[in-house]
Protein backbone atom coordinates (compact mmCIF):
# COMPACT_ATOMS: atom_id res chain seq x y z
CA UNK A 1 78.36 80.32 169.06
CA UNK A 2 81.26 78.03 167.98
CA UNK A 3 83.54 81.06 168.30
CA UNK A 4 81.62 83.00 165.65
CA UNK A 5 82.19 86.73 166.02
CA UNK A 6 79.10 89.00 166.36
CA UNK A 7 76.66 86.20 165.58
CA UNK A 8 73.45 88.23 165.76
CA UNK A 9 74.89 90.96 163.54
CA UNK A 10 75.64 88.18 161.05
CA UNK A 11 72.04 86.93 161.26
CA UNK A 12 70.67 90.43 160.63
CA UNK A 13 73.11 91.12 157.79
CA UNK A 14 72.37 87.76 156.21
CA UNK A 15 68.63 88.37 156.36
CA UNK A 16 68.95 91.78 154.71
CA UNK A 17 71.21 90.38 151.99
CA UNK A 18 68.89 87.44 151.33
CA UNK A 19 65.83 89.64 150.84
CA UNK A 20 67.73 91.99 148.51
CA UNK A 21 67.00 90.98 144.89
CA UNK A 22 70.03 89.81 142.93
CA UNK A 23 70.95 87.64 139.97
CA UNK A 24 69.87 84.42 141.70
CA UNK A 25 66.51 85.94 142.61
CA UNK A 26 65.91 87.06 139.03
CA UNK A 27 66.88 83.62 137.75
CA UNK A 28 64.42 81.90 140.12
CA UNK A 29 61.61 84.33 139.33
CA UNK A 30 62.15 83.85 135.61
CA UNK A 31 62.11 80.06 135.88
CA UNK A 32 59.02 80.14 138.10
CA UNK A 33 57.10 82.46 135.79
CA UNK A 34 57.99 80.59 132.60
CA UNK A 35 57.90 77.01 133.86
CA UNK A 36 55.85 77.04 137.03
CA UNK A 37 56.29 76.67 140.76
CA UNK A 38 57.98 73.27 140.65
CA UNK A 39 60.64 74.47 138.23
CA UNK A 40 61.21 77.47 140.50
CA UNK A 41 61.65 75.26 143.56
CA UNK A 42 64.06 72.94 141.75
CA UNK A 43 65.99 76.06 140.76
CA UNK A 44 66.07 77.15 144.42
CA UNK A 45 67.59 73.79 145.38
CA UNK A 46 70.17 74.19 142.62
CA UNK A 47 71.10 77.71 143.71
CA UNK A 48 71.40 76.51 147.31
CA UNK A 49 73.66 73.66 146.25
CA UNK A 50 75.82 76.08 144.30
CA UNK A 51 76.09 78.34 147.35
CA UNK A 52 77.18 75.34 149.41
CA UNK A 53 79.96 74.71 146.88
CA UNK A 54 81.10 78.33 147.20
CA UNK A 55 81.08 78.02 151.00
CA UNK A 56 83.28 74.92 150.84
CA UNK A 57 85.60 76.71 148.41
CA UNK A 58 85.87 79.69 150.77
CA UNK A 59 86.46 77.49 153.81
CA UNK A 60 89.29 75.58 152.16
CA UNK A 61 90.88 78.57 150.42
CA UNK A 62 89.93 77.77 146.83
CA UNK A 63 87.93 80.97 146.29
CA UNK A 64 91.07 82.97 147.04
CA UNK A 65 92.32 81.95 143.59
CA UNK A 66 89.52 83.99 141.99
CA UNK A 67 90.30 86.91 144.28
CA UNK A 68 93.98 86.98 143.33
CA UNK A 69 93.96 85.81 139.70
CA UNK A 70 92.33 88.01 137.08
CA UNK A 71 92.84 85.23 134.54
CA UNK A 72 90.93 82.64 136.61
CA UNK A 73 88.16 85.13 137.33
CA UNK A 74 87.77 85.97 133.63
CA UNK A 75 87.72 82.32 132.54
CA UNK A 76 85.05 81.36 135.09
CA UNK A 77 82.81 84.34 134.37
CA UNK A 78 82.98 83.83 130.58
CA UNK A 79 82.11 80.14 130.94
CA UNK A 80 79.21 81.13 133.20
CA UNK A 81 78.02 83.76 130.72
CA UNK A 82 78.22 81.27 127.84
CA UNK A 83 76.15 78.78 129.84
CA UNK A 84 73.45 81.38 130.49
CA UNK A 85 73.29 82.15 126.76
CA UNK A 86 72.96 78.41 126.10
CA UNK A 87 70.02 78.24 128.53
CA UNK A 88 68.40 81.22 126.79
CA UNK A 89 68.70 79.59 123.36
CA UNK A 90 67.35 76.35 124.79
CA UNK A 91 64.29 78.16 126.15
CA UNK A 92 63.66 79.76 122.74
CA UNK A 93 63.69 76.34 121.09
CA UNK A 94 61.47 74.72 123.71
CA UNK A 95 57.76 74.28 123.01
CA UNK A 96 55.59 74.22 126.13
CA UNK A 97 52.36 72.23 126.17
CA UNK A 98 49.12 74.22 126.53
CA UNK A 99 48.08 74.76 130.12
CA UNK A 100 44.99 76.28 131.62
CA UNK A 101 45.00 78.95 134.31
CA UNK A 102 46.58 77.63 137.50
CA UNK A 103 47.95 74.52 135.76
CA UNK A 104 51.69 73.85 135.80
CA UNK A 105 53.13 73.89 132.24
CA UNK A 106 55.10 70.90 131.01
CA UNK A 107 58.23 70.96 128.85
CA UNK A 108 59.40 68.12 126.67
CA UNK A 109 63.10 68.31 127.45
CA UNK A 110 63.28 69.79 130.94
CA UNK A 111 63.33 67.19 133.69
CA UNK A 112 63.59 68.28 137.36
CA UNK A 113 67.20 67.08 137.34
CA UNK A 114 67.98 69.23 134.28
CA UNK A 115 66.46 72.31 135.93
CA UNK A 116 68.32 71.60 139.18
CA UNK A 117 71.62 71.03 137.36
CA UNK A 118 71.24 74.24 135.35
CA UNK A 119 70.69 76.26 138.54
CA UNK A 120 73.74 74.68 140.20
CA UNK A 121 75.94 75.54 137.22
CA UNK A 122 74.70 79.12 136.88
CA UNK A 123 75.56 79.71 140.54
CA UNK A 124 78.87 77.83 140.64
CA UNK A 125 80.06 79.52 137.43
CA UNK A 126 79.40 82.99 138.84
CA UNK A 127 82.72 84.16 140.37
CA UNK A 128 80.99 87.19 141.90
CA UNK A 129 79.14 84.85 144.26
CA UNK A 130 82.40 83.17 145.22
CA UNK A 131 84.07 86.52 145.96
CA UNK A 132 81.04 87.74 147.92
CA UNK A 133 81.05 84.69 150.19
CA UNK A 134 84.82 84.92 150.56
CA UNK A 135 84.52 88.56 151.65
CA UNK A 136 81.35 88.27 153.77
CA UNK A 137 81.69 85.15 155.92
CA UNK A 138 85.25 85.69 157.29
CA UNK A 139 84.17 89.01 158.82
CA UNK A 140 82.34 87.02 161.50
CA UNK A 141 85.07 84.47 162.19
CA UNK A 142 87.18 84.61 165.35
CA UNK A 143 90.35 82.51 164.78
CA UNK A 144 91.17 82.64 168.49
CA UNK A 145 88.01 80.78 169.44
CA UNK A 146 88.01 77.72 167.21
CA UNK A 147 88.59 76.26 163.78
CA UNK A 148 88.26 78.85 161.03
CA UNK A 149 87.07 76.19 158.58
CA UNK A 150 84.30 75.02 160.91
CA UNK A 151 83.17 78.58 161.59
CA UNK A 152 82.98 79.42 157.87
CA UNK A 153 81.07 76.22 157.15
CA UNK A 154 78.57 76.95 159.94
CA UNK A 155 78.14 80.55 158.79
CA UNK A 156 77.66 79.40 155.21
CA UNK A 157 75.06 76.83 156.28
CA UNK A 158 73.07 79.40 158.26
CA UNK A 159 73.25 81.95 155.44
CA UNK A 160 72.21 79.31 152.91
CA UNK A 161 69.22 78.20 155.00
CA UNK A 162 68.00 81.80 155.15
CA UNK A 163 68.52 82.29 151.43
CA UNK A 164 66.78 79.04 150.58
CA UNK A 165 63.77 79.99 152.68
CA UNK A 166 63.46 83.40 151.04
CA UNK A 167 63.94 81.96 147.55
CA UNK A 168 61.28 79.28 148.12
CA UNK A 169 58.80 82.01 149.00
CA UNK A 170 59.82 83.91 145.85
CA UNK A 171 59.45 80.82 143.65
CA UNK A 172 56.03 79.90 145.03
CA UNK A 173 54.75 83.48 144.75
CA UNK A 174 56.07 84.02 141.22
CA UNK A 175 54.76 80.66 140.06
CA UNK A 176 51.32 81.32 141.52
CA UNK A 177 51.12 84.80 140.00
CA UNK A 178 52.08 83.51 136.56
CA UNK A 179 49.68 80.58 136.93
CA UNK A 180 46.72 82.94 137.16
CA UNK A 181 47.71 84.46 133.81
CA UNK A 182 48.71 81.27 132.06
CA UNK A 183 45.98 79.97 129.77
CA UNK A 184 47.30 79.51 126.26
CA UNK A 185 50.23 78.08 124.38
CA UNK A 186 50.84 81.49 122.81
CA UNK A 187 51.22 83.12 126.21
CA UNK A 188 53.62 80.35 127.27
CA UNK A 189 55.72 80.94 124.15
CA UNK A 190 55.99 84.62 125.03
CA UNK A 191 57.08 83.66 128.53
CA UNK A 192 59.76 81.47 126.95
CA UNK A 193 61.01 84.40 124.90
CA UNK A 194 61.03 86.66 127.93
CA UNK A 195 62.96 84.03 129.88
CA UNK A 196 65.49 83.73 127.06
CA UNK A 197 66.02 87.51 127.04
CA UNK A 198 66.51 87.55 130.81
CA UNK A 199 69.10 84.77 130.61
CA UNK A 200 70.98 86.63 127.87
CA UNK A 201 70.81 89.81 129.95
CA UNK A 202 72.23 87.97 132.96
CA UNK A 203 74.95 86.57 130.70
CA UNK A 204 75.96 90.05 129.52
CA UNK A 205 75.95 91.34 133.07
CA UNK A 206 78.21 88.51 134.17
CA UNK A 207 80.51 88.81 131.15
CA UNK A 208 81.23 92.47 131.94
CA UNK A 209 81.47 92.00 135.73
CA UNK A 210 84.66 93.32 137.28
CA UNK A 211 86.80 91.56 139.90
CA UNK A 212 86.50 93.79 142.95
């Protein structure tokens, strides 16, 4: 297919990787639990958009900068970690409106665009994702059978479609499960605090990530 090397092995590998929980999965689950299914789905779209950016960067050689420059890797990961801490603090300051069981909570300062944008930035500012895509996709490229750029873009698109599908299921499931428990403003505040702690934990994990 378009010169792609071992296409079906790529499909199987991509599926296994997409169903393996990672930082993006935890981020989506946390958003879905704290803010409901819609927030989770907007986060999925943001994560998918960020992955598309990483695919473009890999296809055109930009991600190689992170692979070869420890300085660039450190700068990007620290900015990403700082942004996650900012999101955590923002969640702590937010005051959700009371919602009954099964009712989506509303937040005064979180529009769908804001949730989407936050998810894009958390993904784009994670250099580990960039290095993963840079290492994973080229394994299935055959330079002798077509444009390397086109092959990487096609592989990235297929991988992203699979990841988006899995993440949508995760967001809907997590949002529904939390919806059955959601019934008071106090419970929603505790969810906010839990979300803030998760974001800070993700920030620490990213800040101490190594370039390898």
